[in-house]
Amino acid sequence: MPAGVTVAERDDALMACLAARDAQALRTVISLYGEKAHRIAWRMLGDAMEAEDVAQEAMLKLWQQAGGWSAGGQGIGPWLARVTANLCIDRMRRIRPVTSEDLPERVDETPLADEQVDEAQIRSLTQAALQALPDRQRAAIVLTYWQECSNQEAALALEMNIKAFESLLLRARKALREAMMKRGLVGPEEAE
């Protein structure tokens, strides 16, 4: 990014180029924000292929709505987080597949084999606890802890006011602790 250009100014310029149907601008937006959309979708849906579809759908919506972009607004990142979270919630409400397959994990060759088994089991149980949460609670946890959004950014992404979001996040934390206790990931003393 050139010196003196803010992220908001860069985003506004990119959106102006998208509105003019500049394919290079789309490639730039995808390289800057595509991975974030995919991570949000993967954490919310727990399925790599579905996450890819949602990330692509979010980018398509950005392309289609570029002409209506208002400069000086929230920026591409928060807009994309909101759209991705909403697309995930829509998919989760449509069909809830029942699967016993483990979620795909990235290969990490550094730990010993027994450590890998323990870590994989903990990750799988943690993801199962996350998947057990209601849709909006899961979105609040993913946006806050995995995407490191501030409460204000996460509230915007979920189209909520800050107080309502904080209440949702509080309920989500409690529900996640209970789900983790059921799976033996935390004891009662750690859940408090």
Protein backbone atom coordinates (compact mmCIF):
# COMPACT_ATOMS: atom_id res chain seq x y z
CA MET A 1 0.00 0.00 0.00
CA PRO A 2 1.51 3.38 -0.92
CA ALA A 3 2.59 5.58 1.98
CA GLY A 4 -0.14 7.86 3.29
CA VAL A 5 -3.00 5.75 1.88
CA THR A 6 -5.34 4.34 4.52
CA VAL A 7 -7.02 0.95 4.29
CA ALA A 8 -10.37 2.72 3.86
CA GLU A 9 -9.03 4.79 0.95
CA ARG A 10 -7.52 1.68 -0.65
CA ASP A 11 -10.79 -0.21 -0.22
CA ASP A 12 -12.80 2.66 -1.75
CA ALA A 13 -10.42 2.78 -4.73
CA LEU A 14 -10.66 -1.01 -5.18
CA MET A 15 -14.46 -0.85 -5.06
CA ALA A 16 -14.50 1.91 -7.67
CA CYS A 17 -12.39 -0.34 -9.90
CA LEU A 18 -14.72 -3.29 -9.23
CA ALA A 19 -17.70 -1.12 -10.17
CA ALA A 20 -15.87 -0.45 -13.47
CA ARG A 21 -15.52 -4.27 -13.81
CA ASP A 22 -11.72 -4.29 -13.48
CA ALA A 23 -10.71 -7.97 -13.17
CA GLN A 24 -7.29 -7.08 -11.72
CA ALA A 25 -9.02 -5.22 -8.87
CA LEU A 26 -11.05 -8.37 -8.16
CA ARG A 27 -7.86 -10.44 -8.01
CA THR A 28 -6.41 -7.89 -5.59
CA VAL A 29 -9.50 -8.00 -3.37
CA ILE A 30 -9.42 -11.80 -3.37
CA SER A 31 -5.73 -11.84 -2.41
CA LEU A 32 -6.35 -9.32 0.40
CA TYR A 33 -9.62 -10.67 1.81
CA GLY A 34 -10.37 -14.11 0.33
CA GLU A 35 -8.56 -16.09 3.01
CA LYS A 36 -10.41 -14.22 5.78
CA ALA A 37 -13.77 -15.10 4.21
CA HIS A 38 -12.71 -18.73 3.85
CA ARG A 39 -11.52 -18.94 7.49
CA ILE A 40 -14.79 -17.51 8.81
CA ALA A 41 -16.81 -19.93 6.69
CA TRP A 42 -14.66 -22.95 7.58
CA ARG A 43 -14.91 -22.26 11.31
CA MET A 44 -18.65 -21.71 11.13
CA LEU A 45 -19.49 -24.60 8.81
CA GLY A 46 -16.78 -27.11 9.66
CA ASP A 47 -16.58 -28.20 6.02
CA ALA A 48 -13.75 -27.10 3.73
CA MET A 49 -15.72 -27.47 0.48
CA GLU A 50 -18.75 -25.62 1.84
CA ALA A 51 -16.42 -22.91 3.16
CA GLU A 52 -14.88 -22.51 -0.28
CA ASP A 53 -18.35 -22.18 -1.83
CA VAL A 54 -19.39 -19.55 0.74
CA ALA A 55 -16.16 -17.56 0.29
CA GLN A 56 -16.69 -17.54 -3.47
CA GLU A 57 -20.33 -16.55 -3.05
CA ALA A 58 -19.30 -13.67 -0.75
CA MET A 59 -16.78 -12.46 -3.35
CA LEU A 60 -19.44 -12.71 -6.05
CA LYS A 61 -21.78 -10.57 -3.94
CA LEU A 62 -19.00 -8.00 -3.53
CA TRP A 63 -18.50 -7.94 -7.32
CA GLN A 64 -22.23 -7.63 -7.96
CA GLN A 65 -22.77 -4.87 -5.40
CA ALA A 66 -19.66 -2.83 -6.20
CA GLY A 67 -21.69 -0.20 -8.08
CA GLY A 68 -23.64 0.64 -4.92
CA TRP A 69 -20.57 0.98 -2.67
CA SER A 70 -20.54 4.19 -0.64
CA ALA A 71 -17.06 5.60 -0.11
CA GLY A 72 -15.96 6.19 3.45
CA GLY A 73 -18.10 3.35 4.75
CA GLN A 74 -17.15 0.33 6.82
CA GLY A 75 -14.48 -1.08 4.46
CA ILE A 76 -14.28 -4.34 2.55
CA GLY A 77 -13.09 -6.47 5.51
CA PRO A 78 -16.04 -5.83 7.84
CA TRP A 79 -18.52 -5.94 4.93
CA LEU A 80 -17.13 -9.27 3.78
CA ALA A 81 -17.14 -10.68 7.33
CA ARG A 82 -20.82 -9.75 7.72
CA VAL A 83 -21.81 -11.21 4.34
CA THR A 84 -19.80 -14.39 4.93
CA ALA A 85 -21.28 -14.92 8.40
CA ASN A 86 -24.80 -14.37 7.05
CA LEU A 87 -24.23 -16.77 4.14
CA CYS A 88 -22.99 -19.39 6.62
CA ILE A 89 -26.01 -18.90 8.87
CA ASP A 90 -28.28 -19.26 5.83
CA ARG A 91 -26.57 -22.54 4.85
CA MET A 92 -26.68 -23.90 8.38
CA ARG A 93 -30.40 -23.21 8.58
CA ARG A 94 -31.13 -24.89 5.25
CA ILE A 95 -29.46 -28.23 5.78
CA ARG A 96 -27.66 -29.68 8.75
CA PRO A 97 -25.70 -32.64 7.41
CA VAL A 98 -24.98 -35.48 9.81
CA THR A 99 -21.45 -36.74 9.39
CA SER A 100 -19.03 -38.72 11.45
CA GLU A 101 -16.03 -37.59 9.44
CA ASP A 102 -13.35 -35.58 11.19
CA LEU A 103 -12.72 -32.09 9.96
CA PRO A 104 -9.66 -31.75 7.76
CA GLU A 105 -6.57 -30.67 9.66
CA ARG A 106 -3.41 -29.05 8.37
CA VAL A 107 -0.35 -31.26 8.43
CA ASP A 108 2.12 -30.35 11.18
CA GLU A 109 5.17 -32.60 11.18
CA THR A 110 6.96 -31.15 14.22
CA PRO A 111 5.20 -32.85 17.18
CA LEU A 112 5.69 -36.51 18.00
CA ALA A 113 3.08 -38.98 16.82
CA ASP A 114 1.42 -39.42 20.23
CA GLU A 115 1.22 -35.64 20.65
CA GLN A 116 -0.37 -35.37 17.22
CA VAL A 117 -3.04 -37.89 18.16
CA ASP A 118 -3.83 -36.03 21.40
CA GLU A 119 -3.90 -32.63 19.65
CA ALA A 120 -6.05 -33.96 16.80
CA GLN A 121 -8.51 -35.42 19.29
CA ILE A 122 -8.67 -32.13 21.24
CA ARG A 123 -9.17 -30.15 18.00
CA SER A 124 -11.88 -32.55 16.88
CA LEU A 125 -13.68 -32.37 20.23
CA THR A 126 -13.34 -28.58 20.31
CA GLN A 127 -14.75 -28.28 16.78
CA ALA A 128 -17.61 -30.61 17.74
CA ALA A 129 -18.35 -28.40 20.77
CA LEU A 130 -18.31 -25.33 18.51
CA GLN A 131 -20.59 -27.04 15.97
CA ALA A 132 -23.07 -27.84 18.78
CA LEU A 133 -23.71 -24.12 19.38
CA PRO A 134 -26.69 -22.34 17.83
CA ASP A 135 -25.83 -20.56 14.57
CA ARG A 136 -25.54 -16.99 15.82
CA GLN A 137 -23.63 -18.02 18.95
CA ARG A 138 -21.18 -19.95 16.78
CA ALA A 139 -20.78 -16.88 14.56
CA ALA A 140 -20.08 -14.68 17.61
CA ILE A 141 -17.36 -17.07 18.87
CA VAL A 142 -15.74 -17.49 15.44
CA LEU A 143 -15.68 -13.76 14.69
CA THR A 144 -14.40 -12.80 18.15
CA TYR A 145 -11.84 -15.52 18.87
CA TRP A 146 -10.76 -17.02 15.56
CA GLN A 147 -11.00 -13.90 13.42
CA GLU A 148 -10.00 -11.58 16.29
CA CYS A 149 -12.71 -9.05 15.45
CA SER A 150 -13.46 -6.46 18.09
CA ASN A 151 -16.92 -6.64 19.62
CA GLN A 152 -17.91 -3.61 17.52
CA GLU A 153 -16.69 -5.26 14.28
CA ALA A 154 -18.39 -8.55 15.12
CA ALA A 155 -21.62 -6.73 16.01
CA LEU A 156 -21.51 -4.99 12.62
CA ALA A 157 -20.85 -8.29 10.87
CA LEU A 158 -23.92 -9.82 12.54
CA GLU A 159 -25.99 -6.66 12.05
CA MET A 160 -26.55 -6.19 15.79
CA ASN A 161 -26.08 -3.34 18.21
CA ILE A 162 -23.10 -3.70 20.54
CA LYS A 163 -25.11 -4.47 23.69
CA ALA A 164 -27.09 -7.22 21.97
CA PHE A 165 -23.86 -8.68 20.58
CA GLU A 166 -22.16 -8.66 23.98
CA SER A 167 -25.17 -10.48 25.45
CA LEU A 168 -25.02 -13.02 22.59
CA LEU A 169 -21.27 -13.51 23.13
CA LEU A 170 -21.80 -14.06 26.87
CA ARG A 171 -24.42 -16.73 26.16
CA ALA A 172 -22.17 -18.28 23.50
CA ARG A 173 -19.20 -18.52 25.89
CA LYS A 174 -21.37 -20.19 28.52
CA ALA A 175 -22.82 -22.65 26.00
CA LEU A 176 -19.35 -23.43 24.62
CA ARG A 177 -17.98 -24.08 28.13
CA GLU A 178 -20.89 -26.45 28.81
CA ALA A 179 -20.35 -28.23 25.49
CA MET A 180 -16.62 -28.54 26.24
CA MET A 181 -17.37 -29.91 29.73
CA LYS A 182 -19.62 -32.58 28.18
CA ARG A 183 -16.74 -33.61 25.94
CA GLY A 184 -14.23 -33.69 28.82
CA LEU A 185 -12.16 -30.78 27.48
CA VAL A 186 -12.51 -28.69 30.65
CA GLY A 187 -13.41 -29.58 34.21
CA PRO A 188 -16.07 -27.87 36.28
CA GLU A 189 -13.43 -25.71 38.02
CA GLU A 190 -12.12 -24.46 34.65
CA ALA A 191 -15.61 -23.72 33.36
CA GLU A 192 -16.27 -21.05 35.99
